[in-house]
């Protein structure tokens, strides 16, 4: 579930399945999805 971006194409998302509070970044250049924060506040 995408909710924000960095202005350059990378987007930030929650994991929908299974639901998690962690935030991941999707990097459009290489289609990678990496953990970046433990929750929205972080």
ModelCIF file with pLDDT and N, C-alpha, C, O atoms, coordinates in Angstrom:
data_MODEL
#
_entry.id   MODEL 
#
_entity.id                         1 
_entity.type                       polymer 
_entity.pdbx_number_of_molecules   1 
#
_entity_poly.entity_id                      1 
_entity_poly.type                           'polypeptide(L)' 
_entity_poly.nstd_linkage                   no 
_entity_poly.nstd_monomer                   no 
_entity_poly.pdbx_seq_one_letter_code       
;(UNK)(UNK)(UNK)(UNK)(UNK)(UNK)(UNK)(UNK)(UNK)(UNK)(UNK)(UNK)(UNK)(UNK)(UNK)(UNK)
(UNK)(UNK)(UNK)(UNK)(UNK)(UNK)(UNK)(UNK)(UNK)(UNK)(UNK)(UNK)(UNK)(UNK)(UNK)(UNK)
(UNK)(UNK)(UNK)(UNK)(UNK)(UNK)(UNK)(UNK)(UNK)(UNK)
;
_entity_poly.pdbx_seq_one_letter_code_can   XXXXXXXXXXXXXXXXXXXXXXXXXXXXXXXXXXXXXXXXXX 
_entity_poly.pdbx_strand_id                 A 
#
loop_
_entity_poly_seq.entity_id 
_entity_poly_seq.num 
_entity_poly_seq.mon_id 
_entity_poly_seq.hetero 
1 1  UNK n 
1 2  UNK n 
1 3  UNK n 
1 4  UNK n 
1 5  UNK n 
1 6  UNK n 
1 7  UNK n 
1 8  UNK n 
1 9  UNK n 
1 10 UNK n 
1 11 UNK n 
1 12 UNK n 
1 13 UNK n 
1 14 UNK n 
1 15 UNK n 
1 16 UNK n 
1 17 UNK n 
1 18 UNK n 
1 19 UNK n 
1 20 UNK n 
1 21 UNK n 
1 22 UNK n 
1 23 UNK n 
1 24 UNK n 
1 25 UNK n 
1 26 UNK n 
1 27 UNK n 
1 28 UNK n 
1 29 UNK n 
1 30 UNK n 
1 31 UNK n 
1 32 UNK n 
1 33 UNK n 
1 34 UNK n 
1 35 UNK n 
1 36 UNK n 
1 37 UNK n 
1 38 UNK n 
1 39 UNK n 
1 40 UNK n 
1 41 UNK n 
1 42 UNK n 
#
_struct_asym.id          A 
_struct_asym.entity_id   1 
#
loop_
_ma_qa_metric.id 
_ma_qa_metric.mode 
_ma_qa_metric.name 
_ma_qa_metric.software_group_id 
_ma_qa_metric.type 
1 global pLDDT . pLDDT 
2 local  pLDDT . pLDDT 
#
_ma_qa_metric_global.metric_id      1 
_ma_qa_metric_global.metric_value   94.93 
_ma_qa_metric_global.model_id       1 
_ma_qa_metric_global.ordinal_id     1 
#
loop_
_ma_qa_metric_local.label_asym_id 
_ma_qa_metric_local.label_comp_id 
_ma_qa_metric_local.label_seq_id 
_ma_qa_metric_local.metric_id 
_ma_qa_metric_local.metric_value 
_ma_qa_metric_local.model_id 
_ma_qa_metric_local.ordinal_id 
A UNK 1  2 97.00 1 1  
A UNK 2  2 98.00 1 2  
A UNK 3  2 98.00 1 3  
A UNK 4  2 97.00 1 4  
A UNK 5  2 95.00 1 5  
A UNK 6  2 92.00 1 6  
A UNK 7  2 91.00 1 7  
A UNK 8  2 91.00 1 8  
A UNK 9  2 92.00 1 9  
A UNK 10 2 94.00 1 10 
A UNK 11 2 96.00 1 11 
A UNK 12 2 97.00 1 12 
A UNK 13 2 98.00 1 13 
A UNK 14 2 97.00 1 14 
A UNK 15 2 95.00 1 15 
A UNK 16 2 92.00 1 16 
A UNK 17 2 85.00 1 17 
A UNK 18 2 88.00 1 18 
A UNK 19 2 89.00 1 19 
A UNK 20 2 92.00 1 20 
A UNK 21 2 96.00 1 21 
A UNK 22 2 97.00 1 22 
A UNK 23 2 98.00 1 23 
A UNK 24 2 97.00 1 24 
A UNK 25 2 97.00 1 25 
A UNK 26 2 97.00 1 26 
A UNK 27 2 95.00 1 27 
A UNK 28 2 93.00 1 28 
A UNK 29 2 93.00 1 29 
A UNK 30 2 95.00 1 30 
A UNK 31 2 97.00 1 31 
A UNK 32 2 96.00 1 32 
A UNK 33 2 97.00 1 33 
A UNK 34 2 96.00 1 34 
A UNK 35 2 96.00 1 35 
A UNK 36 2 96.00 1 36 
A UNK 37 2 96.00 1 37 
A UNK 38 2 97.00 1 38 
A UNK 39 2 97.00 1 39 
A UNK 40 2 97.00 1 40 
A UNK 41 2 95.00 1 41 
A UNK 42 2 95.00 1 42 
#
loop_
_atom_site.group_PDB 
_atom_site.id 
_atom_site.type_symbol 
_atom_site.label_atom_id 
_atom_site.label_alt_id 
_atom_site.label_comp_id 
_atom_site.label_asym_id 
_atom_site.label_entity_id 
_atom_site.label_seq_id 
_atom_site.pdbx_PDB_ins_code 
_atom_site.Cartn_x 
_atom_site.Cartn_y 
_atom_site.Cartn_z 
_atom_site.occupancy 
_atom_site.B_iso_or_equiv 
_atom_site.pdbx_formal_charge 
_atom_site.auth_seq_id 
_atom_site.auth_comp_id 
_atom_site.auth_asym_id 
_atom_site.auth_atom_id 
_atom_site.pdbx_PDB_model_num 
ATOM 1   N N  . UNK A 1 1  ? 0.888  -1.173  0.000   1.00 97.00 ? 1  UNK A N  1 
ATOM 2   C CA . UNK A 1 1  ? 0.000  0.000   0.000   1.00 97.00 ? 1  UNK A CA 1 
ATOM 3   C C  . UNK A 1 1  ? 0.917  1.212   0.000   1.00 97.00 ? 1  UNK A C  1 
ATOM 4   O O  . UNK A 1 1  ? 1.494  1.577   1.025   1.00 97.00 ? 1  UNK A O  1 
ATOM 5   N N  . UNK A 1 2  ? 1.041  1.831   -1.177  1.00 98.00 ? 2  UNK A N  1 
ATOM 6   C CA . UNK A 1 2  ? 1.886  3.019   -1.317  1.00 98.00 ? 2  UNK A CA 1 
ATOM 7   C C  . UNK A 1 2  ? 1.213  4.215   -0.659  1.00 98.00 ? 2  UNK A C  1 
ATOM 8   O O  . UNK A 1 2  ? -0.010 4.350   -0.682  1.00 98.00 ? 2  UNK A O  1 
ATOM 9   N N  . UNK A 1 3  ? 2.050  5.095   -0.060  1.00 98.00 ? 3  UNK A N  1 
ATOM 10  C CA . UNK A 1 3  ? 1.483  6.280   0.596   1.00 98.00 ? 3  UNK A CA 1 
ATOM 11  C C  . UNK A 1 3  ? 2.335  7.533   0.435   1.00 98.00 ? 3  UNK A C  1 
ATOM 12  O O  . UNK A 1 3  ? 1.908  8.609   0.854   1.00 98.00 ? 3  UNK A O  1 
ATOM 13  N N  . UNK A 1 4  ? 3.516  7.434   -0.152  1.00 97.00 ? 4  UNK A N  1 
ATOM 14  C CA . UNK A 1 4  ? 4.375  8.602   -0.301  1.00 97.00 ? 4  UNK A CA 1 
ATOM 15  C C  . UNK A 1 4  ? 5.539  8.311   -1.225  1.00 97.00 ? 4  UNK A C  1 
ATOM 16  O O  . UNK A 1 4  ? 5.746  7.172   -1.643  1.00 97.00 ? 4  UNK A O  1 
ATOM 17  N N  . UNK A 1 5  ? 6.305  9.357   -1.542  1.00 95.00 ? 5  UNK A N  1 
ATOM 18  C CA . UNK A 1 5  ? 7.446  9.176   -2.439  1.00 95.00 ? 5  UNK A CA 1 
ATOM 19  C C  . UNK A 1 5  ? 8.575  10.124  -2.076  1.00 95.00 ? 5  UNK A C  1 
ATOM 20  O O  . UNK A 1 5  ? 8.455  10.936  -1.159  1.00 95.00 ? 5  UNK A O  1 
ATOM 21  N N  . UNK A 1 6  ? 9.679  10.007  -2.815  1.00 92.00 ? 6  UNK A N  1 
ATOM 22  C CA . UNK A 1 6  ? 10.847 10.854  -2.570  1.00 92.00 ? 6  UNK A CA 1 
ATOM 23  C C  . UNK A 1 6  ? 10.977 11.959  -3.613  1.00 92.00 ? 6  UNK A C  1 
ATOM 24  O O  . UNK A 1 6  ? 11.936 12.729  -3.568  1.00 92.00 ? 6  UNK A O  1 
ATOM 25  N N  . UNK A 1 7  ? 10.043 12.056  -4.541  1.00 91.00 ? 7  UNK A N  1 
ATOM 26  C CA . UNK A 1 7  ? 10.097 13.070  -5.585  1.00 91.00 ? 7  UNK A CA 1 
ATOM 27  C C  . UNK A 1 7  ? 10.928 12.656  -6.783  1.00 91.00 ? 7  UNK A C  1 
ATOM 28  O O  . UNK A 1 7  ? 10.969 13.378  -7.779  1.00 91.00 ? 7  UNK A O  1 
ATOM 29  N N  . UNK A 1 8  ? 11.584 11.521  -6.712  1.00 91.00 ? 8  UNK A N  1 
ATOM 30  C CA . UNK A 1 8  ? 12.428 11.063  -7.811  1.00 91.00 ? 8  UNK A CA 1 
ATOM 31  C C  . UNK A 1 8  ? 12.033 9.704   -8.358  1.00 91.00 ? 8  UNK A C  1 
ATOM 32  O O  . UNK A 1 8  ? 12.764 9.128   -9.164  1.00 91.00 ? 8  UNK A O  1 
ATOM 33  N N  . UNK A 1 9  ? 10.892 9.181   -7.938  1.00 92.00 ? 9  UNK A N  1 
ATOM 34  C CA . UNK A 1 9  ? 10.421 7.902   -8.462  1.00 92.00 ? 9  UNK A CA 1 
ATOM 35  C C  . UNK A 1 9  ? 10.333 6.785   -7.439  1.00 92.00 ? 9  UNK A C  1 
ATOM 36  O O  . UNK A 1 9  ? 9.544  5.855   -7.608  1.00 92.00 ? 9  UNK A O  1 
ATOM 37  N N  . UNK A 1 10 ? 11.135 6.860   -6.374  1.00 94.00 ? 10 UNK A N  1 
ATOM 38  C CA . UNK A 1 10 ? 11.052 5.829   -5.339  1.00 94.00 ? 10 UNK A CA 1 
ATOM 39  C C  . UNK A 1 10 ? 9.819  6.106   -4.483  1.00 94.00 ? 10 UNK A C  1 
ATOM 40  O O  . UNK A 1 10 ? 9.507  7.257   -4.176  1.00 94.00 ? 10 UNK A O  1 
ATOM 41  N N  . UNK A 1 11 ? 9.122  5.034   -4.103  1.00 96.00 ? 11 UNK A N  1 
ATOM 42  C CA . UNK A 1 11 ? 7.876  5.189   -3.350  1.00 96.00 ? 11 UNK A CA 1 
ATOM 43  C C  . UNK A 1 11 ? 7.916  4.359   -2.083  1.00 96.00 ? 11 UNK A C  1 
ATOM 44  O O  . UNK A 1 11 ? 8.581  3.327   -1.999  1.00 96.00 ? 11 UNK A O  1 
ATOM 45  N N  . UNK A 1 12 ? 7.171  4.858   -1.090  1.00 97.00 ? 12 UNK A N  1 
ATOM 46  C CA . UNK A 1 12 ? 7.147  4.222   0.226   1.00 97.00 ? 12 UNK A CA 1 
ATOM 47  C C  . UNK A 1 12 ? 5.812  3.533   0.439   1.00 97.00 ? 12 UNK A C  1 
ATOM 48  O O  . UNK A 1 12 ? 4.766  4.018   0.007   1.00 97.00 ? 12 UNK A O  1 
ATOM 49  N N  . UNK A 1 13 ? 5.869  2.382   1.121   1.00 98.00 ? 13 UNK A N  1 
ATOM 50  C CA . UNK A 1 13 ? 4.672  1.561   1.254   1.00 98.00 ? 13 UNK A CA 1 
ATOM 51  C C  . UNK A 1 13 ? 4.671  0.778   2.559   1.00 98.00 ? 13 UNK A C  1 
ATOM 52  O O  . UNK A 1 13 ? 5.712  0.453   3.130   1.00 98.00 ? 13 UNK A O  1 
ATOM 53  N N  . UNK A 1 14 ? 3.456  0.493   2.999   1.00 97.00 ? 14 UNK A N  1 
ATOM 54  C CA . UNK A 1 14 ? 3.227  -0.508  4.039   1.00 97.00 ? 14 UNK A CA 1 
ATOM 55  C C  . UNK A 1 14 ? 3.090  -1.850  3.333   1.00 97.00 ? 14 UNK A C  1 
ATOM 56  O O  . UNK A 1 14 ? 2.767  -1.905  2.147   1.00 97.00 ? 14 UNK A O  1 
ATOM 57  N N  . UNK A 1 15 ? 3.337  -2.925  4.063   1.00 95.00 ? 15 UNK A N  1 
ATOM 58  C CA . UNK A 1 15 ? 3.060  -4.257  3.551   1.00 95.00 ? 15 UNK A CA 1 
ATOM 59  C C  . UNK A 1 15 ? 1.603  -4.556  3.874   1.00 95.00 ? 15 UNK A C  1 
ATOM 60  O O  . UNK A 1 15 ? 1.178  -4.475  5.026   1.00 95.00 ? 15 UNK A O  1 
ATOM 61  N N  . UNK A 1 16 ? 0.869  -4.893  2.867   1.00 92.00 ? 16 UNK A N  1 
ATOM 62  C CA . UNK A 1 16 ? -0.569 -5.162  3.002   1.00 92.00 ? 16 UNK A CA 1 
ATOM 63  C C  . UNK A 1 16 ? -0.827 -6.614  3.385   1.00 92.00 ? 16 UNK A C  1 
ATOM 64  O O  . UNK A 1 16 ? -1.715 -6.906  4.185   1.00 92.00 ? 16 UNK A O  1 
ATOM 65  N N  . UNK A 1 17 ? -0.034 -7.527  2.802   1.00 85.00 ? 17 UNK A N  1 
ATOM 66  C CA . UNK A 1 17 ? -0.246 -8.947  3.014   1.00 85.00 ? 17 UNK A CA 1 
ATOM 67  C C  . UNK A 1 17 ? 1.075  -9.597  3.380   1.00 85.00 ? 17 UNK A C  1 
ATOM 68  O O  . UNK A 1 17 ? 1.953  -9.685  2.523   1.00 85.00 ? 17 UNK A O  1 
ATOM 69  N N  . UNK A 1 18 ? 1.259  -10.052 4.598   1.00 88.00 ? 18 UNK A N  1 
ATOM 70  C CA . UNK A 1 18 ? 0.414  -9.851  5.765   1.00 88.00 ? 18 UNK A CA 1 
ATOM 71  C C  . UNK A 1 18 ? 0.588  -8.426  6.285   1.00 88.00 ? 18 UNK A C  1 
ATOM 72  O O  . UNK A 1 18 ? 1.642  -7.822  6.091   1.00 88.00 ? 18 UNK A O  1 
ATOM 73  N N  . UNK A 1 19 ? -0.432 -7.890  6.940   1.00 89.00 ? 19 UNK A N  1 
ATOM 74  C CA . UNK A 1 19 ? -0.357 -6.508  7.432   1.00 89.00 ? 19 UNK A CA 1 
ATOM 75  C C  . UNK A 1 19 ? 0.817  -6.325  8.399   1.00 89.00 ? 19 UNK A C  1 
ATOM 76  O O  . UNK A 1 19 ? 1.016  -7.108  9.328   1.00 89.00 ? 19 UNK A O  1 
ATOM 77  N N  . UNK A 1 20 ? 1.585  -5.261  8.144   1.00 92.00 ? 20 UNK A N  1 
ATOM 78  C CA . UNK A 1 20 ? 2.736  -4.942  8.996   1.00 92.00 ? 20 UNK A CA 1 
ATOM 79  C C  . UNK A 1 20 ? 2.808  -3.440  9.158   1.00 92.00 ? 20 UNK A C  1 
ATOM 80  O O  . UNK A 1 20 ? 2.328  -2.694  8.305   1.00 92.00 ? 20 UNK A O  1 
ATOM 81  N N  . UNK A 1 21 ? 3.403  -2.997  10.243  1.00 96.00 ? 21 UNK A N  1 
ATOM 82  C CA . UNK A 1 21 ? 3.577  -1.561  10.453  1.00 96.00 ? 21 UNK A CA 1 
ATOM 83  C C  . UNK A 1 21 ? 4.879  -1.056  9.840   1.00 96.00 ? 21 UNK A C  1 
ATOM 84  O O  . UNK A 1 21 ? 5.093  0.154   9.756   1.00 96.00 ? 21 UNK A O  1 
ATOM 85  N N  . UNK A 1 22 ? 5.749  -1.967  9.412   1.00 97.00 ? 22 UNK A N  1 
ATOM 86  C CA . UNK A 1 22 ? 7.014  -1.577  8.802   1.00 97.00 ? 22 UNK A CA 1 
ATOM 87  C C  . UNK A 1 22 ? 6.785  -0.824  7.494   1.00 97.00 ? 22 UNK A C  1 
ATOM 88  O O  . UNK A 1 22 ? 5.774  -1.014  6.816   1.00 97.00 ? 22 UNK A O  1 
ATOM 89  N N  . UNK A 1 23 ? 7.756  0.041   7.153   1.00 98.00 ? 23 UNK A N  1 
ATOM 90  C CA . UNK A 1 23 ? 7.703  0.804   5.911   1.00 98.00 ? 23 UNK A CA 1 
ATOM 91  C C  . UNK A 1 23 ? 8.820  0.292   5.005   1.00 98.00 ? 23 UNK A C  1 
ATOM 92  O O  . UNK A 1 23 ? 9.953  0.086   5.440   1.00 98.00 ? 23 UNK A O  1 
ATOM 93  N N  . UNK A 1 24 ? 8.475  0.094   3.748   1.00 97.00 ? 24 UNK A N  1 
ATOM 94  C CA . UNK A 1 24 ? 9.427  -0.344  2.737   1.00 97.00 ? 24 UNK A CA 1 
ATOM 95  C C  . UNK A 1 24 ? 9.502  0.705   1.639   1.00 97.00 ? 24 UNK A C  1 
ATOM 96  O O  . UNK A 1 24 ? 8.551  1.453   1.416   1.00 97.00 ? 24 UNK A O  1 
ATOM 97  N N  . UNK A 1 25 ? 10.635 0.753   0.958   1.00 97.00 ? 25 UNK A N  1 
ATOM 98  C CA . UNK A 1 25 ? 10.778 1.615   -0.217  1.00 97.00 ? 25 UNK A CA 1 
ATOM 99  C C  . UNK A 1 25 ? 10.815 0.708   -1.443  1.00 97.00 ? 25 UNK A C  1 
ATOM 100 O O  . UNK A 1 25 ? 11.487 -0.324  -1.455  1.00 97.00 ? 25 UNK A O  1 
ATOM 101 N N  . UNK A 1 26 ? 10.078 1.118   -2.469  1.00 97.00 ? 26 UNK A N  1 
ATOM 102 C CA . UNK A 1 26 ? 10.166 0.474   -3.777  1.00 97.00 ? 26 UNK A CA 1 
ATOM 103 C C  . UNK A 1 26 ? 11.028 1.385   -4.633  1.00 97.00 ? 26 UNK A C  1 
ATOM 104 O O  . UNK A 1 26 ? 10.686 2.544   -4.868  1.00 97.00 ? 26 UNK A O  1 
ATOM 105 N N  . UNK A 1 27 ? 12.157 0.846   -5.099  1.00 95.00 ? 27 UNK A N  1 
ATOM 106 C CA . UNK A 1 27 ? 13.047 1.615   -5.951  1.00 95.00 ? 27 UNK A CA 1 
ATOM 107 C C  . UNK A 1 27 ? 12.766 1.235   -7.402  1.00 95.00 ? 27 UNK A C  1 
ATOM 108 O O  . UNK A 1 27 ? 12.987 0.102   -7.827  1.00 95.00 ? 27 UNK A O  1 
ATOM 109 N N  . UNK A 1 28 ? 12.278 2.211   -8.135  1.00 93.00 ? 28 UNK A N  1 
ATOM 110 C CA . UNK A 1 28 ? 11.786 1.951   -9.485  1.00 93.00 ? 28 UNK A CA 1 
ATOM 111 C C  . UNK A 1 28 ? 12.886 1.553   -10.470 1.00 93.00 ? 28 UNK A C  1 
ATOM 112 O O  . UNK A 1 28 ? 12.602 0.880   -11.461 1.00 93.00 ? 28 UNK A O  1 
ATOM 113 N N  . UNK A 1 29 ? 14.132 1.954   -10.218 1.00 93.00 ? 29 UNK A N  1 
ATOM 114 C CA . UNK A 1 29 ? 15.201 1.634   -11.157 1.00 93.00 ? 29 UNK A CA 1 
ATOM 115 C C  . UNK A 1 29 ? 15.460 0.134   -11.251 1.00 93.00 ? 29 UNK A C  1 
ATOM 116 O O  . UNK A 1 29 ? 15.701 -0.393  -12.337 1.00 93.00 ? 29 UNK A O  1 
ATOM 117 N N  . UNK A 1 30 ? 15.409 -0.546  -10.120 1.00 95.00 ? 30 UNK A N  1 
ATOM 118 C CA . UNK A 1 30 ? 15.731 -1.977  -10.125 1.00 95.00 ? 30 UNK A CA 1 
ATOM 119 C C  . UNK A 1 30 ? 14.607 -2.844  -9.545  1.00 95.00 ? 30 UNK A C  1 
ATOM 120 O O  . UNK A 1 30 ? 14.794 -4.046  -9.355  1.00 95.00 ? 30 UNK A O  1 
ATOM 121 N N  . UNK A 1 31 ? 13.457 -2.255  -9.267  1.00 97.00 ? 31 UNK A N  1 
ATOM 122 C CA . UNK A 1 31 ? 12.287 -2.966  -8.733  1.00 97.00 ? 31 UNK A CA 1 
ATOM 123 C C  . UNK A 1 31 ? 12.555 -3.615  -7.382  1.00 97.00 ? 31 UNK A C  1 
ATOM 124 O O  . UNK A 1 31 ? 11.905 -4.597  -7.026  1.00 97.00 ? 31 UNK A O  1 
ATOM 125 N N  . UNK A 1 32 ? 13.518 -3.068  -6.620  1.00 96.00 ? 32 UNK A N  1 
ATOM 126 C CA . UNK A 1 32 ? 13.779 -3.633  -5.301  1.00 96.00 ? 32 UNK A CA 1 
ATOM 127 C C  . UNK A 1 32 ? 12.787 -3.065  -4.290  1.00 96.00 ? 32 UNK A C  1 
ATOM 128 O O  . UNK A 1 32 ? 12.259 -1.966  -4.461  1.00 96.00 ? 32 UNK A O  1 
ATOM 129 N N  . UNK A 1 33 ? 12.555 -3.824  -3.257  1.00 97.00 ? 33 UNK A N  1 
ATOM 130 C CA . UNK A 1 33 ? 11.688 -3.436  -2.152  1.00 97.00 ? 33 UNK A CA 1 
ATOM 131 C C  . UNK A 1 33 ? 12.477 -3.708  -0.884  1.00 97.00 ? 33 UNK A C  1 
ATOM 132 O O  . UNK A 1 33 ? 12.798 -4.854  -0.571  1.00 97.00 ? 33 UNK A O  1 
ATOM 133 N N  . UNK A 1 34 ? 12.788 -2.636  -0.152  1.00 96.00 ? 34 UNK A N  1 
ATOM 134 C CA . UNK A 1 34 ? 13.630 -2.771  1.029   1.00 96.00 ? 34 UNK A CA 1 
ATOM 135 C C  . UNK A 1 34 ? 12.999 -2.106  2.232   1.00 96.00 ? 34 UNK A C  1 
ATOM 136 O O  . UNK A 1 34 ? 12.295 -1.103  2.113   1.00 96.00 ? 34 UNK A O  1 
ATOM 137 N N  . UNK A 1 35 ? 13.264 -2.687  3.405   1.00 96.00 ? 35 UNK A N  1 
ATOM 138 C CA . UNK A 1 35 ? 12.810 -2.124  4.674   1.00 96.00 ? 35 UNK A CA 1 
ATOM 139 C C  . UNK A 1 35 ? 13.544 -0.817  4.921   1.00 96.00 ? 35 UNK A C  1 
ATOM 140 O O  . UNK A 1 35 ? 14.752 -0.729  4.700   1.00 96.00 ? 35 UNK A O  1 
ATOM 141 N N  . UNK A 1 36 ? 12.796 0.233   5.394   1.00 96.00 ? 36 UNK A N  1 
ATOM 142 C CA . UNK A 1 36 ? 13.435 1.513   5.725   1.00 96.00 ? 36 UNK A CA 1 
ATOM 143 C C  . UNK A 1 36 ? 13.036 2.068   7.090   1.00 96.00 ? 36 UNK A C  1 
ATOM 144 O O  . UNK A 1 36 ? 13.747 2.914   7.632   1.00 96.00 ? 36 UNK A O  1 
ATOM 145 N N  . UNK A 1 37 ? 11.931 1.619   7.655   1.00 96.00 ? 37 UNK A N  1 
ATOM 146 C CA . UNK A 1 37 ? 11.496 2.162   8.949   1.00 96.00 ? 37 UNK A CA 1 
ATOM 147 C C  . UNK A 1 37 ? 10.571 1.168   9.643   1.00 96.00 ? 37 UNK A C  1 
ATOM 148 O O  . UNK A 1 37 ? 9.882  0.378   8.997   1.00 96.00 ? 37 UNK A O  1 
ATOM 149 N N  . UNK A 1 38 ? 10.573 1.226   10.978  1.00 97.00 ? 38 UNK A N  1 
ATOM 150 C CA . UNK A 1 38 ? 9.774  0.250   11.744  1.00 97.00 ? 38 UNK A CA 1 
ATOM 151 C C  . UNK A 1 38 ? 8.286  0.579   11.768  1.00 97.00 ? 38 UNK A C  1 
ATOM 152 O O  . UNK A 1 38 ? 7.452  -0.300  11.984  1.00 97.00 ? 38 UNK A O  1 
ATOM 153 N N  . UNK A 1 39 ? 7.951  1.879   11.539  1.00 97.00 ? 39 UNK A N  1 
ATOM 154 C CA . UNK A 1 39 ? 6.550  2.280   11.503  1.00 97.00 ? 39 UNK A CA 1 
ATOM 155 C C  . UNK A 1 39 ? 6.463  3.676   10.888  1.00 97.00 ? 39 UNK A C  1 
ATOM 156 O O  . UNK A 1 39 ? 7.480  4.240   10.485  1.00 97.00 ? 39 UNK A O  1 
ATOM 157 N N  . UNK A 1 40 ? 5.274  4.226   10.815  1.00 97.00 ? 40 UNK A N  1 
ATOM 158 C CA . UNK A 1 40 ? 5.076  5.513   10.167  1.00 97.00 ? 40 UNK A CA 1 
ATOM 159 C C  . UNK A 1 40 ? 5.795  6.640   10.901  1.00 97.00 ? 40 UNK A C  1 
ATOM 160 O O  . UNK A 1 40 ? 6.356  7.527   10.257  1.00 97.00 ? 40 UNK A O  1 
ATOM 161 N N  . UNK A 1 41 ? 5.791  6.627   12.210  1.00 95.00 ? 41 UNK A N  1 
ATOM 162 C CA . UNK A 1 41 ? 6.489  7.665   12.967  1.00 95.00 ? 41 UNK A CA 1 
ATOM 163 C C  . UNK A 1 41 ? 7.994  7.606   12.702  1.00 95.00 ? 41 UNK A C  1 
ATOM 164 O O  . UNK A 1 41 ? 8.629  8.641   12.502  1.00 95.00 ? 41 UNK A O  1 
ATOM 165 N N  . UNK A 1 42 ? 8.556  6.422   12.699  1.00 95.00 ? 42 UNK A N  1 
ATOM 166 C CA . UNK A 1 42 ? 9.975  6.246   12.418  1.00 95.00 ? 42 UNK A CA 1 
ATOM 167 C C  . UNK A 1 42 ? 10.298 6.740   10.997  1.00 95.00 ? 42 UNK A C  1 
ATOM 168 O O  . UNK A 1 42 ? 11.450 6.676   10.568  1.00 95.00 ? 42 UNK A O  1 
#
